[in-house]
Amino acid sequence: MSRSLKKGPYINVKLEKKILAMNESGKKSVVKTWARASMISPDFVGHTVAVHNGNKFIPVYITENMVGHKLGEFSPTRRFGGHSGNNKK
């Protein structure tokens, strides 16, 4: 179920403060976050956010096409190791 339009998008407050501080200072660094449910705002474009997937942090470079999506969509939680089969050469 999606979030109510009356409430507006959910953006993690701590993450937003870090990104806005980096925008003001002009620095570019990777920001670690556990907030997978946080929505990507236009302020995040051009920054790299390391999103935790339950095991490790996956770096995600934010582009304009990602605005409006959630951070968790770009950090998969399951790893496909491949089917075990007969490896013929």
PDB file of N, CA and C in Angstrom:
ATOM      1  N   MET A   1       0.838  -1.169   0.000  1.00  0.00           N
ATOM      2  CA  MET A   1       0.000   0.000   0.000  1.00  0.00           C
ATOM      3  C   MET A   1       0.893   1.245   0.000  1.00  0.00           C
ATOM      4  N   SER A   2       0.555   2.218  -0.806  1.00  0.00           N
ATOM      5  CA  SER A   2       1.365   3.422  -0.914  1.00  0.00           C
ATOM      6  C   SER A   2       1.035   4.403   0.208  1.00  0.00           C
ATOM      7  N   ARG A   3       1.893   5.363   0.365  1.00  0.00           N
ATOM      8  CA  ARG A   3       1.733   6.374   1.403  1.00  0.00           C
ATOM      9  C   ARG A   3       0.693   7.403   0.966  1.00  0.00           C
ATOM     10  N   SER A   4      -0.035   7.945   1.922  1.00  0.00           N
ATOM     11  CA  SER A   4      -1.077   8.922   1.654  1.00  0.00           C
ATOM     12  C   SER A   4      -0.497  10.198   1.041  1.00  0.00           C
ATOM     13  N   LEU A   5      -1.168  10.741   0.054  1.00  0.00           N
ATOM     14  CA  LEU A   5      -0.722  11.996  -0.550  1.00  0.00           C
ATOM     15  C   LEU A   5      -0.798  13.150   0.441  1.00  0.00           C
ATOM     16  N   LYS A   6      -1.722  13.052   1.381  1.00  0.00           N
ATOM     17  CA  LYS A   6      -1.869  14.101   2.390  1.00  0.00           C
ATOM     18  C   LYS A   6      -0.628  14.180   3.283  1.00  0.00           C
ATOM     19  N   LYS A   7      -0.036  13.036   3.583  1.00  0.00           N
ATOM     20  CA  LYS A   7       1.170  13.004   4.423  1.00  0.00           C
ATOM     21  C   LYS A   7       2.411  13.449   3.657  1.00  0.00           C
ATOM     22  N   GLY A   8       2.441  13.187   2.377  1.00  0.00           N
ATOM     23  CA  GLY A   8       3.614  13.526   1.586  1.00  0.00           C
ATOM     24  C   GLY A   8       4.631  12.403   1.613  1.00  0.00           C
ATOM     25  N   PRO A   9       5.739  12.561   0.886  1.00  0.00           N
ATOM     26  CA  PRO A   9       6.743  11.485   0.818  1.00  0.00           C
ATOM     27  C   PRO A   9       7.526  11.370   2.118  1.00  0.00           C
ATOM     28  N   TYR A  10       7.941  10.136   2.444  1.00  0.00           N
ATOM     29  CA  TYR A  10       8.769   9.909   3.628  1.00  0.00           C
ATOM     30  C   TYR A  10      10.235  10.043   3.217  1.00  0.00           C
ATOM     31  N   ILE A  11      10.912  10.994   3.828  1.00  0.00           N
ATOM     32  CA  ILE A  11      12.345  11.163   3.618  1.00  0.00           C
ATOM     33  C   ILE A  11      12.987  11.187   4.991  1.00  0.00           C
ATOM     34  N   ASN A  12      13.971  10.317   5.201  1.00  0.00           N
ATOM     35  CA  ASN A  12      14.649  10.232   6.483  1.00  0.00           C
ATOM     36  C   ASN A  12      15.287  11.581   6.803  1.00  0.00           C
ATOM     37  N   VAL A  13      15.018  12.099   8.007  1.00  0.00           N
ATOM     38  CA  VAL A  13      15.457  13.437   8.384  1.00  0.00           C
ATOM     39  C   VAL A  13      16.980  13.519   8.469  1.00  0.00           C
ATOM     40  N   LYS A  14      17.612  12.518   9.090  1.00  0.00           N
ATOM     41  CA  LYS A  14      19.075  12.542   9.229  1.00  0.00           C
ATOM     42  C   LYS A  14      19.769  12.472   7.875  1.00  0.00           C
ATOM     43  N   LEU A  15      19.257  11.636   7.000  1.00  0.00           N
ATOM     44  CA  LEU A  15      19.831  11.497   5.662  1.00  0.00           C
ATOM     45  C   LEU A  15      19.688  12.797   4.879  1.00  0.00           C
ATOM     46  N   GLU A  16      18.516  13.412   4.985  1.00  0.00           N
ATOM     47  CA  GLU A  16      18.281  14.666   4.261  1.00  0.00           C
ATOM     48  C   GLU A  16      19.215  15.770   4.767  1.00  0.00           C
ATOM     49  N   LYS A  17      19.436  15.837   6.083  1.00  0.00           N
ATOM     50  CA  LYS A  17      20.345  16.840   6.639  1.00  0.00           C
ATOM     51  C   LYS A  17      21.767  16.649   6.119  1.00  0.00           C
ATOM     52  N   LYS A  18      22.217  15.394   6.052  1.00  0.00           N
ATOM     53  CA  LYS A  18      23.569  15.112   5.563  1.00  0.00           C
ATOM     54  C   LYS A  18      23.719  15.511   4.098  1.00  0.00           C
ATOM     55  N   ILE A  19      22.725  15.202   3.277  1.00  0.00           N
ATOM     56  CA  ILE A  19      22.786  15.530   1.856  1.00  0.00           C
ATOM     57  C   ILE A  19      22.750  17.046   1.650  1.00  0.00           C
ATOM     58  N   LEU A  20      21.883  17.755   2.383  1.00  0.00           N
ATOM     59  CA  LEU A  20      21.800  19.204   2.243  1.00  0.00           C
ATOM     60  C   LEU A  20      23.089  19.877   2.699  1.00  0.00           C
ATOM     61  N   ALA A  21      23.727  19.342   3.744  1.00  0.00           N
ATOM     62  CA  ALA A  21      25.003  19.891   4.207  1.00  0.00           C
ATOM     63  C   ALA A  21      26.080  19.699   3.140  1.00  0.00           C
ATOM     64  N   MET A  22      26.065  18.544   2.468  1.00  0.00           N
ATOM     65  CA  MET A  22      27.033  18.303   1.402  1.00  0.00           C
ATOM     66  C   MET A  22      26.763  19.205   0.203  1.00  0.00           C
ATOM     67  N   ASN A  23      25.481  19.490  -0.086  1.00  0.00           N
ATOM     68  CA  ASN A  23      25.147  20.393  -1.190  1.00  0.00           C
ATOM     69  C   ASN A  23      25.664  21.807  -0.921  1.00  0.00           C
ATOM     70  N   GLU A  24      25.549  22.262   0.332  1.00  0.00           N
ATOM     71  CA  GLU A  24      26.004  23.605   0.682  1.00  0.00           C
ATOM     72  C   GLU A  24      27.520  23.716   0.644  1.00  0.00           C
ATOM     73  N   SER A  25      28.213  22.676   1.133  1.00  0.00           N
ATOM     74  CA  SER A  25      29.672  22.736   1.193  1.00  0.00           C
ATOM     75  C   SER A  25      30.323  22.382  -0.145  1.00  0.00           C
ATOM     76  N   GLY A  26      29.608  21.687  -1.000  1.00  0.00           N
ATOM     77  CA  GLY A  26      30.154  21.302  -2.302  1.00  0.00           C
ATOM     78  C   GLY A  26      30.975  20.030  -2.257  1.00  0.00           C
ATOM     79  N   LYS A  27      31.027  19.362  -1.122  1.00  0.00           N
ATOM     80  CA  LYS A  27      31.794  18.116  -1.002  1.00  0.00           C
ATOM     81  C   LYS A  27      30.973  16.945  -1.524  1.00  0.00           C
ATOM     82  N   LYS A  28      31.683  15.934  -2.010  1.00  0.00           N
ATOM     83  CA  LYS A  28      31.039  14.689  -2.462  1.00  0.00           C
ATOM     84  C   LYS A  28      31.655  13.552  -1.675  1.00  0.00           C
ATOM     85  N   SER A  29      30.846  12.872  -0.890  1.00  0.00           N
ATOM     86  CA  SER A  29      31.312  11.702  -0.163  1.00  0.00           C
ATOM     87  C   SER A  29      30.159  10.710  -0.065  1.00  0.00           C
ATOM     88  N   VAL A  30      30.487   9.472   0.237  1.00  0.00           N
ATOM     89  CA  VAL A  30      29.482   8.421   0.348  1.00  0.00           C
ATOM     90  C   VAL A  30      28.818   8.526   1.715  1.00  0.00           C
ATOM     91  N   VAL A  31      27.493   8.504   1.737  1.00  0.00           N
ATOM     92  CA  VAL A  31      26.726   8.580   2.977  1.00  0.00           C
ATOM     93  C   VAL A  31      26.117   7.211   3.236  1.00  0.00           C
ATOM     94  N   LYS A  32      26.418   6.626   4.394  1.00  0.00           N
ATOM     95  CA  LYS A  32      25.836   5.336   4.760  1.00  0.00           C
ATOM     96  C   LYS A  32      24.457   5.543   5.372  1.00  0.00           C
ATOM     97  N   THR A  33      23.518   4.661   5.029  1.00  0.00           N
ATOM     98  CA  THR A  33      22.183   4.758   5.600  1.00  0.00           C
ATOM     99  C   THR A  33      21.535   3.379   5.706  1.00  0.00           C
ATOM    100  N   TRP A  34      20.665   3.257   6.682  1.00  0.00           N
ATOM    101  CA  TRP A  34      19.851   2.050   6.850  1.00  0.00           C
ATOM    102  C   TRP A  34      18.421   2.321   6.410  1.00  0.00           C
ATOM    103  N   ALA A  35      18.130   3.546   5.983  1.00  0.00           N
ATOM    104  CA  ALA A  35      16.763   3.975   5.664  1.00  0.00           C
ATOM    105  C   ALA A  35      16.385   3.544   4.249  1.00  0.00           C
ATOM    106  N   ARG A  36      16.027   2.288   4.078  1.00  0.00           N
ATOM    107  CA  ARG A  36      15.648   1.757   2.775  1.00  0.00           C
ATOM    108  C   ARG A  36      14.292   2.297   2.320  1.00  0.00           C
ATOM    109  N   ALA A  37      13.437   2.688   3.268  1.00  0.00           N
ATOM    110  CA  ALA A  37      12.094   3.164   2.942  1.00  0.00           C
ATOM    111  C   ALA A  37      12.075   4.636   2.568  1.00  0.00           C
ATOM    112  N   SER A  38      13.192   5.324   2.732  1.00  0.00           N
ATOM    113  CA  SER A  38      13.264   6.746   2.425  1.00  0.00           C
ATOM    114  C   SER A  38      13.152   6.978   0.924  1.00  0.00           C
ATOM    115  N   MET A  39      12.352   7.963   0.555  1.00  0.00           N
ATOM    116  CA  MET A  39      12.163   8.290  -0.859  1.00  0.00           C
ATOM    117  C   MET A  39      13.299   9.201  -1.324  1.00  0.00           C
ATOM    118  N   ILE A  40      13.647   9.084  -2.589  1.00  0.00           N
ATOM    119  CA  ILE A  40      14.717   9.895  -3.160  1.00  0.00           C
ATOM    120  C   ILE A  40      14.130  11.223  -3.627  1.00  0.00           C
ATOM    121  N   SER A  41      14.701  12.319  -3.123  1.00  0.00           N
ATOM    122  CA  SER A  41      14.244  13.653  -3.511  1.00  0.00           C
ATOM    123  C   SER A  41      15.209  14.237  -4.547  1.00  0.00           C
ATOM    124  N   PRO A  42      14.823  15.304  -5.218  1.00  0.00           N
ATOM    125  CA  PRO A  42      15.715  15.912  -6.216  1.00  0.00           C
ATOM    126  C   PRO A  42      17.032  16.426  -5.635  1.00  0.00           C
ATOM    127  N   ASP A  43      17.084  16.684  -4.327  1.00  0.00           N
ATOM    128  CA  ASP A  43      18.329  17.136  -3.688  1.00  0.00           C
ATOM    129  C   ASP A  43      19.400  16.051  -3.697  1.00  0.00           C
ATOM    130  N   PHE A  44      18.998  14.792  -3.792  1.00  0.00           N
ATOM    131  CA  PHE A  44      19.935  13.666  -3.701  1.00  0.00           C
ATOM    132  C   PHE A  44      20.691  13.424  -5.008  1.00  0.00           C
ATOM    133  N   VAL A  45      20.242  14.008  -6.112  1.00  0.00           N
ATOM    134  CA  VAL A  45      20.815  13.729  -7.437  1.00  0.00           C
ATOM    135  C   VAL A  45      22.292  14.115  -7.460  1.00  0.00           C
ATOM    136  N   GLY A  46      23.115  13.191  -7.938  1.00  0.00           N
ATOM    137  CA  GLY A  46      24.551  13.427  -8.052  1.00  0.00           C
ATOM    138  C   GLY A  46      25.351  12.932  -6.866  1.00  0.00           C
ATOM    139  N   HIS A  47      24.684  12.416  -5.842  1.00  0.00           N
ATOM    140  CA  HIS A  47      25.373  11.907  -4.659  1.00  0.00           C
ATOM    141  C   HIS A  47      25.359  10.382  -4.657  1.00  0.00           C
ATOM    142  N   THR A  48      26.280   9.805  -3.903  1.00  0.00           N
ATOM    143  CA  THR A  48      26.322   8.356  -3.729  1.00  0.00           C
ATOM    144  C   THR A  48      25.885   8.032  -2.310  1.00  0.00           C
ATOM    145  N   VAL A  49      24.899   7.150  -2.201  1.00  0.00           N
ATOM    146  CA  VAL A  49      24.364   6.741  -0.902  1.00  0.00           C
ATOM    147  C   VAL A  49      24.604   5.251  -0.764  1.00  0.00           C
ATOM    148  N   ALA A  50      25.237   4.842   0.338  1.00  0.00           N
ATOM    149  CA  ALA A  50      25.460   3.425   0.600  1.00  0.00           C
ATOM    150  C   ALA A  50      24.266   2.902   1.397  1.00  0.00           C
ATOM    151  N   VAL A  51      23.446   2.074   0.765  1.00  0.00           N
ATOM    152  CA  VAL A  51      22.215   1.567   1.371  1.00  0.00           C
ATOM    153  C   VAL A  51      22.476   0.175   1.923  1.00  0.00           C
ATOM    154  N   HIS A  52      22.075  -0.043   3.177  1.00  0.00           N
ATOM    155  CA  HIS A  52      22.289  -1.343   3.818  1.00  0.00           C
ATOM    156  C   HIS A  52      21.246  -2.336   3.333  1.00  0.00           C
ATOM    157  N   ASN A  53      21.703  -3.540   2.957  1.00  0.00           N
ATOM    158  CA  ASN A  53      20.764  -4.549   2.455  1.00  0.00           C
ATOM    159  C   ASN A  53      20.554  -5.687   3.451  1.00  0.00           C
ATOM    160  N   GLY A  54      20.953  -5.494   4.687  1.00  0.00           N
ATOM    161  CA  GLY A  54      20.804  -6.530   5.707  1.00  0.00           C
ATOM    162  C   GLY A  54      22.100  -7.243   5.979  1.00  0.00           C
ATOM    163  N   ASN A  55      23.070  -7.124   5.074  1.00  0.00           N
ATOM    164  CA  ASN A  55      24.358  -7.789   5.215  1.00  0.00           C
ATOM    165  C   ASN A  55      25.501  -6.807   5.049  1.00  0.00           C
ATOM    166  N   LYS A  56      25.417  -5.984   4.019  1.00  0.00           N
ATOM    167  CA  LYS A  56      26.480  -5.018   3.746  1.00  0.00           C
ATOM    168  C   LYS A  56      25.881  -3.781   3.092  1.00  0.00           C
ATOM    169  N   PHE A  57      26.700  -2.751   2.927  1.00  0.00           N
ATOM    170  CA  PHE A  57      26.258  -1.508   2.310  1.00  0.00           C
ATOM    171  C   PHE A  57      26.526  -1.560   0.808  1.00  0.00           C
ATOM    172  N   ILE A  58      25.497  -1.283   0.024  1.00  0.00           N
ATOM    173  CA  ILE A  58      25.597  -1.273  -1.430  1.00  0.00           C
ATOM    174  C   ILE A  58      25.618   0.193  -1.884  1.00  0.00           C
ATOM    175  N   PRO A  59      26.713   0.655  -2.536  1.00  0.00           N
ATOM    176  CA  PRO A  59      26.730   2.046  -2.998  1.00  0.00           C
ATOM    177  C   PRO A  59      25.787   2.251  -4.188  1.00  0.00           C
ATOM    178  N   VAL A  60      24.977   3.308  -4.097  1.00  0.00           N
ATOM    179  CA  VAL A  60      24.006   3.625  -5.134  1.00  0.00           C
ATOM    180  C   VAL A  60      24.225   5.075  -5.552  1.00  0.00           C
ATOM    181  N   TYR A  61      24.566   5.289  -6.833  1.00  0.00           N
ATOM    182  CA  TYR A  61      24.713   6.642  -7.357  1.00  0.00           C
ATOM    183  C   TYR A  61      23.333   7.124  -7.805  1.00  0.00           C
ATOM    184  N   ILE A  62      22.898   8.253  -7.286  1.00  0.00           N
ATOM    185  CA  ILE A  62      21.551   8.755  -7.536  1.00  0.00           C
ATOM    186  C   ILE A  62      21.525   9.577  -8.827  1.00  0.00           C
ATOM    187  N   THR A  63      20.616   9.207  -9.738  1.00  0.00           N
ATOM    188  CA  THR A  63      20.414   9.956 -10.980  1.00  0.00           C
ATOM    189  C   THR A  63      19.002  10.540 -10.988  1.00  0.00           C
ATOM    190  N   GLU A  64      18.705  11.333 -12.003  1.00  0.00           N
ATOM    191  CA  GLU A  64      17.395  11.988 -12.076  1.00  0.00           C
ATOM    192  C   GLU A  64      16.252  10.995 -12.253  1.00  0.00           C
ATOM    193  N   ASN A  65      16.522   9.875 -12.897  1.00  0.00           N
ATOM    194  CA  ASN A  65      15.468   8.880 -13.120  1.00  0.00           C
ATOM    195  C   ASN A  65      15.030   8.194 -11.833  1.00  0.00           C
ATOM    196  N   MET A  66      15.833   8.280 -10.784  1.00  0.00           N
ATOM    197  CA  MET A  66      15.529   7.599  -9.524  1.00  0.00           C
ATOM    198  C   MET A  66      14.650   8.437  -8.596  1.00  0.00           C
ATOM    199  N   VAL A  67      14.455   9.717  -8.903  1.00  0.00           N
ATOM    200  CA  VAL A  67      13.672  10.597  -8.039  1.00  0.00           C
ATOM    201  C   VAL A  67      12.243  10.070  -7.944  1.00  0.00           C
ATOM    202  N   GLY A  68      11.740   9.963  -6.715  1.00  0.00           N
ATOM    203  CA  GLY A  68      10.393   9.442  -6.481  1.00  0.00           C
ATOM    204  C   GLY A  68      10.379   7.980  -6.100  1.00  0.00           C
ATOM    205  N   HIS A  69      11.482   7.268  -6.317  1.00  0.00           N
ATOM    206  CA  HIS A  69      11.573   5.869  -5.920  1.00  0.00           C
ATOM    207  C   HIS A  69      12.160   5.785  -4.513  1.00  0.00           C
ATOM    208  N   LYS A  70      12.182   4.594  -3.964  1.00  0.00           N
ATOM    209  CA  LYS A  70      12.731   4.400  -2.624  1.00  0.00           C
ATOM    210  C   LYS A  70      14.143   3.840  -2.727  1.00  0.00           C
ATOM    211  N   LEU A  71      14.964   4.130  -1.717  1.00  0.00           N
ATOM    212  CA  LEU A  71      16.358   3.694  -1.734  1.00  0.00           C
ATOM    213  C   LEU A  71      16.486   2.175  -1.754  1.00  0.00           C
ATOM    214  N   GLY A  72      15.573   1.476  -1.103  1.00  0.00           N
ATOM    215  CA  GLY A  72      15.636   0.025  -1.026  1.00  0.00           C
ATOM    216  C   GLY A  72      15.460  -0.673  -2.360  1.00  0.00           C
ATOM    217  N   GLU A  73      14.888   0.011  -3.330  1.00  0.00           N
ATOM    218  CA  GLU A  73      14.678  -0.594  -4.649  1.00  0.00           C
ATOM    219  C   GLU A  73      15.997  -0.839  -5.376  1.00  0.00           C
ATOM    220  N   PHE A  74      17.028  -0.088  -5.018  1.00  0.00           N
ATOM    221  CA  PHE A  74      18.297  -0.164  -5.733  1.00  0.00           C
ATOM    222  C   PHE A  74      19.359  -0.924  -4.954  1.00  0.00           C
ATOM    223  N   SER A  75      18.978  -1.557  -3.857  1.00  0.00           N
ATOM    224  CA  SER A  75      19.891  -2.352  -3.053  1.00  0.00           C
ATOM    225  C   SER A  75      19.246  -3.709  -2.789  1.00  0.00           C
ATOM    226  N   PRO A  76      19.443  -4.679  -3.688  1.00  0.00           N
ATOM    227  CA  PRO A  76      18.761  -5.968  -3.548  1.00  0.00           C
ATOM    228  C   PRO A  76      19.198  -6.711  -2.284  1.00  0.00           C
ATOM    229  N   THR A  77      18.221  -7.379  -1.650  1.00  0.00           N
ATOM    230  CA  THR A  77      18.503  -8.093  -0.406  1.00  0.00           C
ATOM    231  C   THR A  77      18.814  -9.565  -0.644  1.00  0.00           C
ATOM    232  N   ARG A  78      18.507 -10.063  -1.814  1.00  0.00           N
ATOM    233  CA  ARG A  78      18.765 -11.475  -2.108  1.00  0.00           C
ATOM    234  C   ARG A  78      19.804 -11.581  -3.212  1.00  0.00           C
ATOM    235  N   ARG A  79      20.696 -12.556  -3.065  1.00  0.00           N
ATOM    236  CA  ARG A  79      21.746 -12.755  -4.058  1.00  0.00           C
ATOM    237  C   ARG A  79      21.505 -14.077  -4.764  1.00  0.00           C
ATOM    238  N   PHE A  80      21.454 -14.030  -6.092  1.00  0.00           N
ATOM    239  CA  PHE A  80      21.253 -15.240  -6.876  1.00  0.00           C
ATOM    240  C   PHE A  80      22.611 -15.822  -7.201  1.00  0.00           C
ATOM    241  N   GLY A  81      22.879 -16.984  -6.659  1.00  0.00           N
ATOM    242  CA  GLY A  81      24.166 -17.639  -6.857  1.00  0.00           C
ATOM    243  C   GLY A  81      24.213 -18.513  -8.088  1.00  0.00           C
ATOM    244  N   GLY A  82      23.096 -18.705  -8.741  1.00  0.00           N
ATOM    245  CA  GLY A  82      23.034 -19.558  -9.928  1.00  0.00           C
ATOM    246  C   GLY A  82      22.537 -20.944  -9.572  1.00  0.00           C
ATOM    247  N   HIS A  83      22.011 -21.612 -10.542  1.00  0.00           N
ATOM    248  CA  HIS A  83      21.528 -22.974 -10.335  1.00  0.00           C
ATOM    249  C   HIS A  83      22.716 -23.935 -10.408  1.00  0.00           C
ATOM    250  N   SER A  84      22.695 -24.892  -9.520  1.00  0.00           N
ATOM    251  CA  SER A  84      23.755 -25.903  -9.599  1.00  0.00           C
ATOM    252  C   SER A  84      23.345 -26.894 -10.681  1.00  0.00           C
ATOM    253  N   GLY A  85      24.160 -27.010 -11.664  1.00  0.00           N
ATOM    254  CA  GLY A  85      23.822 -27.897 -12.778  1.00  0.00           C
ATOM    255  C   GLY A  85      25.076 -28.561 -13.305  1.00  0.00           C
ATOM    256  N   ASN A  86      24.900 -29.284 -14.354  1.00  0.00           N
ATOM    257  CA  ASN A  86      26.018 -29.986 -14.964  1.00  0.00           C
ATOM    258  C   ASN A  86      26.785 -28.995 -15.835  1.00  0.00           C
ATOM    259  N   ASN A  87      27.983 -28.652 -15.422  1.00  0.00           N
ATOM    260  CA  ASN A  87      28.779 -27.682 -16.165  1.00  0.00           C
ATOM    261  C   ASN A  87      29.567 -28.388 -17.257  1.00  0.00           C
ATOM    262  N   LYS A  88      28.986 -28.470 -18.442  1.00  0.00           N
ATOM    263  CA  LYS A  88      29.659 -29.116 -19.569  1.00  0.00           C
ATOM    264  C   LYS A  88      30.502 -28.086 -20.304  1.00  0.00           C
ATOM    265  N   LYS A  89      31.604 -28.540 -20.808  1.00  0.00           N
ATOM    266  CA  LYS A  89      32.461 -27.648 -21.585  1.00  0.00           C
ATOM    267  C   LYS A  89      32.409 -27.994 -23.041  1.00  0.00           C
TER     268      LYS A  89
END
